[in-house]
Every structure is written in C-alpha cells, then in structure tokens.
Amino acid sequence: MGNKILVSVFDSERTAFEGLTALKDLHREGDITLYASTVIAKDPSGAVTVRQAADRGPLGTLAGIVTGGLVGLLGGPAGAAVGAYIGGFGGLMYDMFNAGVSMDFVDEVAASLTPGKAAVIADVDEMWVTPIETRLGALGGITFRLLPGEVIDAELIRETDAAQAELELLDAELRQSSDEAKANVKETIEAQRRKLEALMDRFDDALAQEQAEFEARLATLREQEGKARESKRARIDARIEELKASHDARTTKLKEARQRAKENI
C-alpha cells in the first residue's frame, strides 16, 4: 500500500504518546516503516500545539507540512488560519494543497480532534492497514490516512508546458510582426524565456529534495532490515523495491520536463 501520512486522534495526550510508542514497536517488529512522527494536542481553549517535534529531522517534509498546516488551521497561534485564507493559496494553504492535502481531509481531522484530545502525525510505509488499526484502535485511536499526491510535480509540469506553448505562439507572432512591433514581441519572448529558466531552477530544487528524501528513506529501511527478524525481511525488501520504483518514476518525469524547458531557452 506504500507511503502515506497518518493522523491518529486519541482521547488524551497520554494515549497519543502510547500510540506513538505502538508505532515505534511496529517499526521495530518490521510490520511498518516509521520515517517521521510528531504529536500535537488541542487544549480546552481550542489551541493546537506541537507536544513532540518530528523525531527524524529533515526527513519528514510532508509530515512537517501536514503538522504545520493542522496546527495553524485547527486552532494554532491567533490569526494563522485567517492569514492562510486571506493569502488564498499562499503560505500554509499553498503548501498543503500542493502536497495533496484537501480541505475535506482537514475537516475530517478537525471533527475528531476536539478540545482535550491529541493526535499522532506519522510518515509511514505500511503493506496493509491491520497492524496499525489493531494497535492504535486498542488505544481508542481514530486514524486518517493521506496518500502523498504528486500535485507539486503536476503543477510544475503544467506551468512548463504552458510557458512552452506561449513561447511558440510568440515566435510565430514575431515572424508575422511589423518592424515596429518586433521589439515589443522580442521583449515578451525574453521574459518568457526567463520564466522557463526560473522553472528549471524549481525542477533542480525538486530533484535535489527527491534525492535527499530517497536516500534518507532508504537508509531508514536498510537500518530496519538489519535489525528485523528473518520472517520480516521480505516485507521490508518489498518496501525498498517500491521506494526505488517510485523514486525512479518521479525522477524520470521531472528530468524529462526539465529538458523540455531547457530546449526552449
């Protein structure tokens, strides 16, 4: 079933930390791979705060986006949610939507995370839902799953294709323009090429982040495999192969789009 973000809501902060311990136990046993985790809580006044920061440093990029977004949108520091909405798709909302986090998902979590409750947010690989549902369900946890989308990649590629199409139209216009109009068209063409250069930088950033996260996830899986019982290693091997296939597919897609942008500069 692959990589996903879990948000599991519990009746208290104490049981949320017990839930986190259960996830770590499942990781140690080889039933899941836990990449990053954090605990948030909503106090009686409705304010949401991080009770334990992500414990795997730079790895939990998506988990960090979800954590920050939920803290802000579900009752974080005063004005955070308002600022997100006023900014349209800027700030928290931009990051969350780009990461494939819908408002339906936020609403589902919000309906469950009422004052006095707490939640574990975790970046995991799971082959099936039974181990987590059984362990966290026994603690009263209600678990929501978010499949990481490829919205960021899709938007970046869409912008590149649109910029290329616009450049082709401008080139055609330049050939048909009068001498007086050519200067203006050339200026617009140069601006469009600068846009493609900026898009190439974004592709480079996306590729670098993908490589860093791939290496960190692979290191986690290798470490887990080295400590796992023989009976669990086949499952971890399957996660490793799935990770490699996903990484290769995303990298290929980004590189192909970047090359298309480069050809028009």
C-alpha atoms as a PDB file:
ATOM      1  CA  MET A   1       0.000   0.000   0.000  1.00  0.00           C
ATOM      2  CA  GLY A   2       3.057   2.195   0.272  1.00  0.00           C
ATOM      3  CA  ASN A   3       3.930   5.538   1.764  1.00  0.00           C
ATOM      4  CA  LYS A   4       1.314   7.695   3.467  1.00  0.00           C
ATOM      5  CA  ILE A   5       0.752  10.217   6.206  1.00  0.00           C
ATOM      6  CA  LEU A   6      -1.280   9.052   9.192  1.00  0.00           C
ATOM      7  CA  VAL A   7      -3.138  11.288  11.603  1.00  0.00           C
ATOM      8  CA  SER A   8      -4.398   9.226  14.536  1.00  0.00           C
ATOM      9  CA  VAL A   9      -6.553  11.054  17.087  1.00  0.00           C
ATOM     10  CA  PHE A  10      -6.712   9.943  20.734  1.00  0.00           C
ATOM     11  CA  ASP A  11      -8.781  10.967  23.747  1.00  0.00           C
ATOM     12  CA  SER A  12      -5.775  12.292  25.654  1.00  0.00           C
ATOM     13  CA  GLU A  13      -2.168  13.290  25.265  1.00  0.00           C
ATOM     14  CA  ARG A  14      -1.144  10.264  27.328  1.00  0.00           C
ATOM     15  CA  THR A  15      -2.818   7.801  24.954  1.00  0.00           C
ATOM     16  CA  ALA A  16      -1.410   9.677  21.962  1.00  0.00           C
ATOM     17  CA  PHE A  17       2.104   9.056  23.264  1.00  0.00           C
ATOM     18  CA  GLU A  18       1.157   5.416  23.854  1.00  0.00           C
ATOM     19  CA  GLY A  19       0.057   5.349  20.212  1.00  0.00           C
ATOM     20  CA  LEU A  20       3.417   6.741  19.154  1.00  0.00           C
ATOM     21  CA  THR A  21       5.138   4.014  21.161  1.00  0.00           C
ATOM     22  CA  ALA A  22       2.951   1.435  19.414  1.00  0.00           C
ATOM     23  CA  LEU A  23       4.042   2.758  16.014  1.00  0.00           C
ATOM     24  CA  LYS A  24       7.680   2.541  17.062  1.00  0.00           C
ATOM     25  CA  ASP A  25       7.078  -1.032  18.216  1.00  0.00           C
ATOM     26  CA  LEU A  26       5.525  -1.903  14.842  1.00  0.00           C
ATOM     27  CA  HIS A  27       8.554  -0.371  13.127  1.00  0.00           C
ATOM     28  CA  ARG A  28      10.933  -2.388  15.301  1.00  0.00           C
ATOM     29  CA  GLU A  29       8.936  -5.532  14.556  1.00  0.00           C
ATOM     30  CA  GLY A  30       9.091  -4.829  10.808  1.00  0.00           C
ATOM     31  CA  ASP A  31       5.338  -4.562  10.243  1.00  0.00           C
ATOM     32  CA  ILE A  32       5.610  -0.916   9.149  1.00  0.00           C
ATOM     33  CA  THR A  33       8.398   1.547   8.449  1.00  0.00           C
ATOM     34  CA  LEU A  34       8.155   4.743  10.502  1.00  0.00           C
ATOM     35  CA  TYR A  35      10.062   7.615   8.897  1.00  0.00           C
ATOM     36  CA  ALA A  36       8.932  10.614  10.934  1.00  0.00           C
ATOM     37  CA  SER A  37       6.426  11.348  13.677  1.00  0.00           C
ATOM     38  CA  THR A  38       5.144  14.136  15.867  1.00  0.00           C
ATOM     39  CA  VAL A  39       2.442  14.648  18.485  1.00  0.00           C
ATOM     40  CA  ILE A  40       0.015  17.567  18.595  1.00  0.00           C
ATOM     41  CA  ALA A  41      -2.652  18.354  21.180  1.00  0.00           C
ATOM     42  CA  LYS A  42      -5.689  20.633  21.424  1.00  0.00           C
ATOM     43  CA  ASP A  43      -6.121  22.203  24.857  1.00  0.00           C
ATOM     44  CA  PRO A  44      -9.521  23.005  26.451  1.00  0.00           C
ATOM     45  CA  SER A  45      -9.451  26.505  24.926  1.00  0.00           C
ATOM     46  CA  GLY A  46      -9.084  25.023  21.421  1.00  0.00           C
ATOM     47  CA  ALA A  47      -5.440  25.974  20.804  1.00  0.00           C
ATOM     48  CA  VAL A  48      -3.411  23.320  18.975  1.00  0.00           C
ATOM     49  CA  THR A  49       0.264  22.954  19.827  1.00  0.00           C
ATOM     50  CA  VAL A  50       3.095  20.566  18.978  1.00  0.00           C
ATOM     51  CA  ARG A  51       3.811  18.409  22.028  1.00  0.00           C
ATOM     52  CA  GLN A  52       6.696  16.492  20.473  1.00  0.00           C
ATOM     53  CA  ALA A  53       8.583  17.710  17.434  1.00  0.00           C
ATOM     54  CA  ALA A  54       9.303  15.425  14.498  1.00  0.00           C
ATOM     55  CA  ASP A  55      11.949  12.952  15.615  1.00  0.00           C
ATOM     56  CA  ARG A  56      13.655  12.307  12.281  1.00  0.00           C
ATOM     57  CA  GLY A  57      14.966  15.732  11.394  1.00  0.00           C
ATOM     58  CA  PRO A  58      14.849  16.797   7.735  1.00  0.00           C
ATOM     59  CA  LEU A  59      13.174  13.632   6.502  1.00  0.00           C
ATOM     60  CA  GLY A  60       9.602  14.474   7.414  1.00  0.00           C
ATOM     61  CA  THR A  61       8.977  17.145   4.774  1.00  0.00           C
ATOM     62  CA  LEU A  62       5.393  16.169   4.031  1.00  0.00           C
ATOM     63  CA  ALA A  63       4.739  15.287   7.665  1.00  0.00           C
ATOM     64  CA  GLY A  64       6.045  18.726   8.581  1.00  0.00           C
ATOM     65  CA  ILE A  65       3.727  20.425   6.087  1.00  0.00           C
ATOM     66  CA  VAL A  66       0.743  18.492   7.431  1.00  0.00           C
ATOM     67  CA  THR A  67       1.726  19.191  11.046  1.00  0.00           C
ATOM     68  CA  GLY A  68       2.192  22.909  10.460  1.00  0.00           C
ATOM     69  CA  GLY A  69      -0.985  23.148   8.447  1.00  0.00           C
ATOM     70  CA  LEU A  70      -3.101  21.346  11.021  1.00  0.00           C
ATOM     71  CA  VAL A  71      -1.672  23.394  13.884  1.00  0.00           C
ATOM     72  CA  GLY A  72      -2.470  26.578  12.008  1.00  0.00           C
ATOM     73  CA  LEU A  73      -5.866  25.635  10.603  1.00  0.00           C
ATOM     74  CA  LEU A  74      -7.241  23.745  13.610  1.00  0.00           C
ATOM     75  CA  GLY A  75      -6.519  26.357  16.243  1.00  0.00           C
ATOM     76  CA  GLY A  76      -2.878  27.323  16.321  1.00  0.00           C
ATOM     77  CA  PRO A  77      -1.497  30.785  17.035  1.00  0.00           C
ATOM     78  CA  ALA A  78      -4.079  33.525  16.682  1.00  0.00           C
ATOM     79  CA  GLY A  79      -4.508  34.624  13.105  1.00  0.00           C
ATOM     80  CA  ALA A  80      -2.676  31.716  11.496  1.00  0.00           C
ATOM     81  CA  ALA A  81      -5.723  30.230   9.801  1.00  0.00           C
ATOM     82  CA  VAL A  82      -7.117  33.639   8.907  1.00  0.00           C
ATOM     83  CA  GLY A  83      -3.825  34.563   7.286  1.00  0.00           C
ATOM     84  CA  ALA A  84      -3.826  31.345   5.312  1.00  0.00           C
ATOM     85  CA  TYR A  85      -7.284  32.009   3.917  1.00  0.00           C
ATOM     86  CA  ILE A  86      -6.616  35.672   3.178  1.00  0.00           C
ATOM     87  CA  GLY A  87      -3.500  34.677   1.289  1.00  0.00           C
ATOM     88  CA  GLY A  88      -5.516  32.384  -0.959  1.00  0.00           C
ATOM     89  CA  PHE A  89      -3.134  29.625  -1.996  1.00  0.00           C
ATOM     90  CA  GLY A  90      -0.170  31.270  -0.286  1.00  0.00           C
ATOM     91  CA  GLY A  91       1.510  30.165   2.920  1.00  0.00           C
ATOM     92  CA  LEU A  92       0.088  27.189   4.750  1.00  0.00           C
ATOM     93  CA  MET A  93      -2.764  26.574   2.358  1.00  0.00           C
ATOM     94  CA  TYR A  94      -0.465  26.702  -0.675  1.00  0.00           C
ATOM     95  CA  ASP A  95       1.915  24.177   0.876  1.00  0.00           C
ATOM     96  CA  MET A  96      -0.879  21.870   1.977  1.00  0.00           C
ATOM     97  CA  PHE A  97      -2.778  21.907  -1.293  1.00  0.00           C
ATOM     98  CA  ASN A  98       0.440  21.413  -3.259  1.00  0.00           C
ATOM     99  CA  ALA A  99       1.170  18.410  -1.061  1.00  0.00           C
ATOM    100  CA  GLY A 100      -2.222  16.959  -1.931  1.00  0.00           C
ATOM    101  CA  VAL A 101      -3.897  17.798   1.390  1.00  0.00           C
ATOM    102  CA  SER A 102      -7.542  18.631   0.743  1.00  0.00           C
ATOM    103  CA  MET A 103      -9.838  20.643   2.986  1.00  0.00           C
ATOM    104  CA  ASP A 104     -12.001  17.513   3.232  1.00  0.00           C
ATOM    105  CA  PHE A 105      -9.088  15.778   4.966  1.00  0.00           C
ATOM    106  CA  VAL A 106      -8.573  18.773   7.282  1.00  0.00           C
ATOM    107  CA  ASP A 107     -12.305  18.838   8.064  1.00  0.00           C
ATOM    108  CA  GLU A 108     -12.306  15.130   8.928  1.00  0.00           C
ATOM    109  CA  VAL A 109      -9.409  15.549  11.336  1.00  0.00           C
ATOM    110  CA  ALA A 110     -10.934  18.730  12.784  1.00  0.00           C
ATOM    111  CA  ALA A 111     -14.205  16.943  13.544  1.00  0.00           C
ATOM    112  CA  SER A 112     -12.301  14.326  15.530  1.00  0.00           C
ATOM    113  CA  LEU A 113      -9.629  16.487  17.183  1.00  0.00           C
ATOM    114  CA  THR A 114     -11.871  18.238  19.696  1.00  0.00           C
ATOM    115  CA  PRO A 115     -10.597  20.162  22.779  1.00  0.00           C
ATOM    116  CA  GLY A 116      -8.718  17.905  25.188  1.00  0.00           C
ATOM    117  CA  LYS A 117      -7.703  15.403  22.514  1.00  0.00           C
ATOM    118  CA  ALA A 118      -4.316  14.774  20.923  1.00  0.00           C
ATOM    119  CA  ALA A 119      -3.026  13.240  17.718  1.00  0.00           C
ATOM    120  CA  VAL A 120       0.000  11.452  16.334  1.00  0.00           C
ATOM    121  CA  ILE A 121       1.072  12.511  12.851  1.00  0.00           C
ATOM    122  CA  ALA A 122       3.351   9.959  11.205  1.00  0.00           C
ATOM    123  CA  ASP A 123       5.052   9.378   7.866  1.00  0.00           C
ATOM    124  CA  VAL A 124       4.918   5.609   7.329  1.00  0.00           C
ATOM    125  CA  ASP A 125       5.065   2.746   4.868  1.00  0.00           C
ATOM    126  CA  GLU A 126       2.516   0.015   5.503  1.00  0.00           C
ATOM    127  CA  MET A 127       1.734  -3.024   3.384  1.00  0.00           C
ATOM    128  CA  TRP A 128      -1.722  -3.401   4.943  1.00  0.00           C
ATOM    129  CA  VAL A 129      -3.743  -1.471   7.499  1.00  0.00           C
ATOM    130  CA  THR A 130      -4.366  -4.248  10.042  1.00  0.00           C
ATOM    131  CA  PRO A 131      -1.251  -3.828  12.236  1.00  0.00           C
ATOM    132  CA  ILE A 132      -1.797  -0.099  12.797  1.00  0.00           C
ATOM    133  CA  GLU A 133      -5.578  -0.355  13.092  1.00  0.00           C
ATOM    134  CA  THR A 134      -5.228  -3.137  15.655  1.00  0.00           C
ATOM    135  CA  ARG A 135      -2.592  -1.435  17.847  1.00  0.00           C
ATOM    136  CA  LEU A 136      -3.907   2.113  17.678  1.00  0.00           C
ATOM    137  CA  GLY A 137      -7.535   1.019  17.719  1.00  0.00           C
ATOM    138  CA  ALA A 138      -6.920  -0.765  21.027  1.00  0.00           C
ATOM    139  CA  LEU A 139      -5.896   2.625  22.449  1.00  0.00           C
ATOM    140  CA  GLY A 140      -9.017   4.308  21.107  1.00  0.00           C
ATOM    141  CA  GLY A 141      -7.215   5.910  18.181  1.00  0.00           C
ATOM    142  CA  ILE A 142      -9.167   7.049  15.138  1.00  0.00           C
ATOM    143  CA  THR A 143      -6.804   7.017  12.167  1.00  0.00           C
ATOM    144  CA  PHE A 144      -6.983   9.064   8.977  1.00  0.00           C
ATOM    145  CA  ARG A 145      -4.711   8.294   6.031  1.00  0.00           C
ATOM    146  CA  LEU A 146      -3.379  10.686   3.432  1.00  0.00           C
ATOM    147  CA  LEU A 147      -1.712   9.352   0.295  1.00  0.00           C
ATOM    148  CA  PRO A 148       1.036  11.780  -0.731  1.00  0.00           C
ATOM    149  CA  GLY A 149      -0.032  13.274  -4.024  1.00  0.00           C
ATOM    150  CA  GLU A 150       2.081  14.488  -6.905  1.00  0.00           C
ATOM    151  CA  VAL A 151       0.325  17.838  -7.068  1.00  0.00           C
ATOM    152  CA  ILE A 152       3.572  19.810  -6.865  1.00  0.00           C
ATOM    153  CA  ASP A 153       5.057  17.923  -9.806  1.00  0.00           C
ATOM    154  CA  ALA A 154       1.858  18.175 -11.845  1.00  0.00           C
ATOM    155  CA  GLU A 155       1.633  21.934 -11.310  1.00  0.00           C
ATOM    156  CA  LEU A 156       5.304  22.454 -12.164  1.00  0.00           C
ATOM    157  CA  ILE A 157       4.971  20.449 -15.365  1.00  0.00           C
ATOM    158  CA  ARG A 158       1.737  22.256 -16.255  1.00  0.00           C
ATOM    159  CA  GLU A 159       3.457  25.630 -15.859  1.00  0.00           C
ATOM    160  CA  THR A 160       6.344  24.459 -18.037  1.00  0.00           C
ATOM    161  CA  ASP A 161       4.062  23.186 -20.800  1.00  0.00           C
ATOM    162  CA  ALA A 162       2.058  26.421 -20.708  1.00  0.00           C
ATOM    163  CA  ALA A 163       5.234  28.531 -20.903  1.00  0.00           C
ATOM    164  CA  GLN A 164       6.475  26.490 -23.859  1.00  0.00           C
ATOM    165  CA  ALA A 165       3.165  26.844 -25.685  1.00  0.00           C
ATOM    166  CA  GLU A 166       3.181  30.603 -25.084  1.00  0.00           C
ATOM    167  CA  LEU A 167       6.744  30.843 -26.381  1.00  0.00           C
ATOM    168  CA  GLU A 168       5.792  29.005 -29.568  1.00  0.00           C
ATOM    169  CA  LEU A 169       2.925  31.436 -30.147  1.00  0.00           C
ATOM    170  CA  LEU A 170       5.227  34.395 -29.562  1.00  0.00           C
ATOM    171  CA  ASP A 171       7.802  33.031 -32.010  1.00  0.00           C
ATOM    172  CA  ALA A 172       5.062  32.718 -34.632  1.00  0.00           C
ATOM    173  CA  GLU A 173       3.880  36.244 -33.863  1.00  0.00           C
ATOM    174  CA  LEU A 174       7.412  37.588 -34.192  1.00  0.00           C
ATOM    175  CA  ARG A 175       7.699  36.194 -37.708  1.00  0.00           C
ATOM    176  CA  GLN A 176       4.498  37.952 -38.736  1.00  0.00           C
ATOM    177  CA  SER A 177       5.035  41.245 -36.898  1.00  0.00           C
ATOM    178  CA  SER A 178       5.873  44.536 -38.500  1.00  0.00           C
ATOM    179  CA  ASP A 179       9.279  46.036 -37.799  1.00  0.00           C
ATOM    180  CA  GLU A 180       7.692  48.466 -35.346  1.00  0.00           C
ATOM    181  CA  ALA A 181       6.108  45.671 -33.295  1.00  0.00           C
ATOM    182  CA  LYS A 182       9.060  43.272 -33.298  1.00  0.00           C
ATOM    183  CA  ALA A 183      10.831  44.967 -30.358  1.00  0.00           C
ATOM    184  CA  ASN A 184       7.850  44.504 -28.068  1.00  0.00           C
ATOM    185  CA  VAL A 185       7.397  40.882 -29.083  1.00  0.00           C
ATOM    186  CA  LYS A 186      11.106  40.166 -28.569  1.00  0.00           C
ATOM    187  CA  GLU A 187      10.907  41.663 -25.083  1.00  0.00           C
ATOM    188  CA  THR A 188       7.956  39.408 -24.258  1.00  0.00           C
ATOM    189  CA  ILE A 189       9.842  36.402 -25.617  1.00  0.00           C
ATOM    190  CA  GLU A 190      12.818  37.184 -23.395  1.00  0.00           C
ATOM    191  CA  ALA A 191      10.517  37.441 -20.363  1.00  0.00           C
ATOM    192  CA  GLN A 192       9.029  34.055 -21.220  1.00  0.00           C
ATOM    193  CA  ARG A 193      12.494  32.527 -21.509  1.00  0.00           C
ATOM    194  CA  ARG A 194      13.418  33.946 -18.110  1.00  0.00           C
ATOM    195  CA  LYS A 195      10.296  32.260 -16.760  1.00  0.00           C
ATOM    196  CA  LEU A 196      11.483  28.933 -18.177  1.00  0.00           C
ATOM    197  CA  GLU A 197      14.890  29.481 -16.567  1.00  0.00           C
ATOM    198  CA  ALA A 198      13.173  30.021 -13.218  1.00  0.00           C
ATOM    199  CA  LEU A 199      11.151  26.843 -13.777  1.00  0.00           C
ATOM    200  CA  MET A 200      14.381  24.941 -14.416  1.00  0.00           C
ATOM    201  CA  ASP A 201      15.647  26.106 -11.024  1.00  0.00           C
ATOM    202  CA  ARG A 202      12.449  24.781  -9.446  1.00  0.00           C
ATOM    203  CA  PHE A 203      12.966  21.439 -11.184  1.00  0.00           C
ATOM    204  CA  ASP A 204      16.517  21.338  -9.816  1.00  0.00           C
ATOM    205  CA  ASP A 205      15.187  22.018  -6.306  1.00  0.00           C
ATOM    206  CA  ALA A 206      12.538  19.312  -6.658  1.00  0.00           C
ATOM    207  CA  LEU A 207      15.091  16.787  -7.925  1.00  0.00           C
ATOM    208  CA  ALA A 208      17.523  17.589  -5.109  1.00  0.00           C
ATOM    209  CA  GLN A 209      14.789  17.238  -2.488  1.00  0.00           C
ATOM    210  CA  GLU A 210      13.588  13.980  -4.025  1.00  0.00           C
ATOM    211  CA  GLN A 211      17.111  12.553  -3.975  1.00  0.00           C
ATOM    212  CA  ALA A 212      17.711  13.608  -0.364  1.00  0.00           C
ATOM    213  CA  GLU A 213      14.420  12.128   0.811  1.00  0.00           C
ATOM    214  CA  PHE A 214      15.002   8.938  -1.183  1.00  0.00           C
ATOM    215  CA  GLU A 215      18.422   8.441   0.398  1.00  0.00           C
ATOM    216  CA  ALA A 216      17.069   9.138   3.894  1.00  0.00           C
ATOM    217  CA  ARG A 217      14.156   6.740   3.455  1.00  0.00           C
ATOM    218  CA  LEU A 218      16.411   4.065   2.000  1.00  0.00           C
ATOM    219  CA  ALA A 219      18.821   4.428   4.929  1.00  0.00           C
ATOM    220  CA  THR A 220      15.916   4.015   7.362  1.00  0.00           C
ATOM    221  CA  LEU A 221      14.748   0.888   5.562  1.00  0.00           C
ATOM    222  CA  ARG A 222      18.248  -0.591   5.443  1.00  0.00           C
ATOM    223  CA  GLU A 223      18.713   0.039   9.142  1.00  0.00           C
ATOM    224  CA  GLN A 224      15.340  -1.514   9.885  1.00  0.00           C
ATOM    225  CA  GLU A 225      16.117  -4.538   7.714  1.00  0.00           C
ATOM    226  CA  GLY A 226      19.398  -5.124   9.520  1.00  0.00           C
ATOM    227  CA  LYS A 227      17.597  -5.359  12.864  1.00  0.00           C
ATOM    228  CA  ALA A 228      14.497  -7.258  11.704  1.00  0.00           C
ATOM    229  CA  ARG A 229      13.784 -10.930  12.211  1.00  0.00           C
ATOM    230  CA  GLU A 230      14.263 -13.122   9.153  1.00  0.00           C
ATOM    231  CA  SER A 231      10.498 -13.585   8.774  1.00  0.00           C
ATOM    232  CA  LYS A 232      10.003  -9.820   8.390  1.00  0.00           C
ATOM    233  CA  ARG A 233      12.799  -9.058   5.946  1.00  0.00           C
ATOM    234  CA  ALA A 234      10.825  -9.976   2.825  1.00  0.00           C
ATOM    235  CA  ARG A 235       8.258  -7.302   3.682  1.00  0.00           C
ATOM    236  CA  ILE A 236      10.963  -4.704   4.154  1.00  0.00           C
ATOM    237  CA  ASP A 237      12.599  -5.757   0.884  1.00  0.00           C
ATOM    238  CA  ALA A 238       9.261  -5.191  -0.840  1.00  0.00           C
ATOM    239  CA  ARG A 239       9.100  -1.669   0.628  1.00  0.00           C
ATOM    240  CA  ILE A 240      12.631  -0.988  -0.599  1.00  0.00           C
ATOM    241  CA  GLU A 241      11.746  -2.070  -4.143  1.00  0.00           C
ATOM    242  CA  GLU A 242       8.583   0.024  -4.070  1.00  0.00           C
ATOM    243  CA  LEU A 243      10.573   3.048  -2.868  1.00  0.00           C
ATOM    244  CA  LYS A 244      13.131   2.622  -5.646  1.00  0.00           C
ATOM    245  CA  ALA A 245      10.457   2.287  -8.324  1.00  0.00           C
ATOM    246  CA  SER A 246       8.634   5.378  -7.093  1.00  0.00           C
ATOM    247  CA  HIS A 247      11.877   7.362  -6.942  1.00  0.00           C
ATOM    248  CA  ASP A 248      12.898   6.320 -10.458  1.00  0.00           C
ATOM    249  CA  ALA A 249       9.486   7.190 -11.900  1.00  0.00           C
ATOM    250  CA  ARG A 250       9.339  10.634 -10.275  1.00  0.00           C
ATOM    251  CA  THR A 251      12.941  11.474 -11.146  1.00  0.00           C
ATOM    252  CA  THR A 252      12.438  10.466 -14.782  1.00  0.00           C
ATOM    253  CA  LYS A 253       9.300  12.574 -15.087  1.00  0.00           C
ATOM    254  CA  LEU A 254      10.948  15.653 -13.570  1.00  0.00           C
ATOM    255  CA  LYS A 255      14.086  15.310 -15.690  1.00  0.00           C
ATOM    256  CA  GLU A 256      12.070  14.947 -18.896  1.00  0.00           C
ATOM    257  CA  ALA A 257      10.046  18.078 -18.105  1.00  0.00           C
ATOM    258  CA  ARG A 258      13.200  19.992 -17.193  1.00  0.00           C
ATOM    259  CA  GLN A 259      14.791  19.016 -20.507  1.00  0.00           C
ATOM    260  CA  ARG A 260      11.740  20.305 -22.399  1.00  0.00           C
ATOM    261  CA  ALA A 261      12.091  23.633 -20.612  1.00  0.00           C
ATOM    262  CA  LYS A 262      15.814  23.780 -21.370  1.00  0.00           C
ATOM    263  CA  GLU A 263      15.277  23.188 -25.077  1.00  0.00           C
ATOM    264  CA  ASN A 264      13.256  26.406 -25.309  1.00  0.00           C
ATOM    265  CA  ILE A 265      15.734  28.700 -23.594  1.00  0.00           C
END
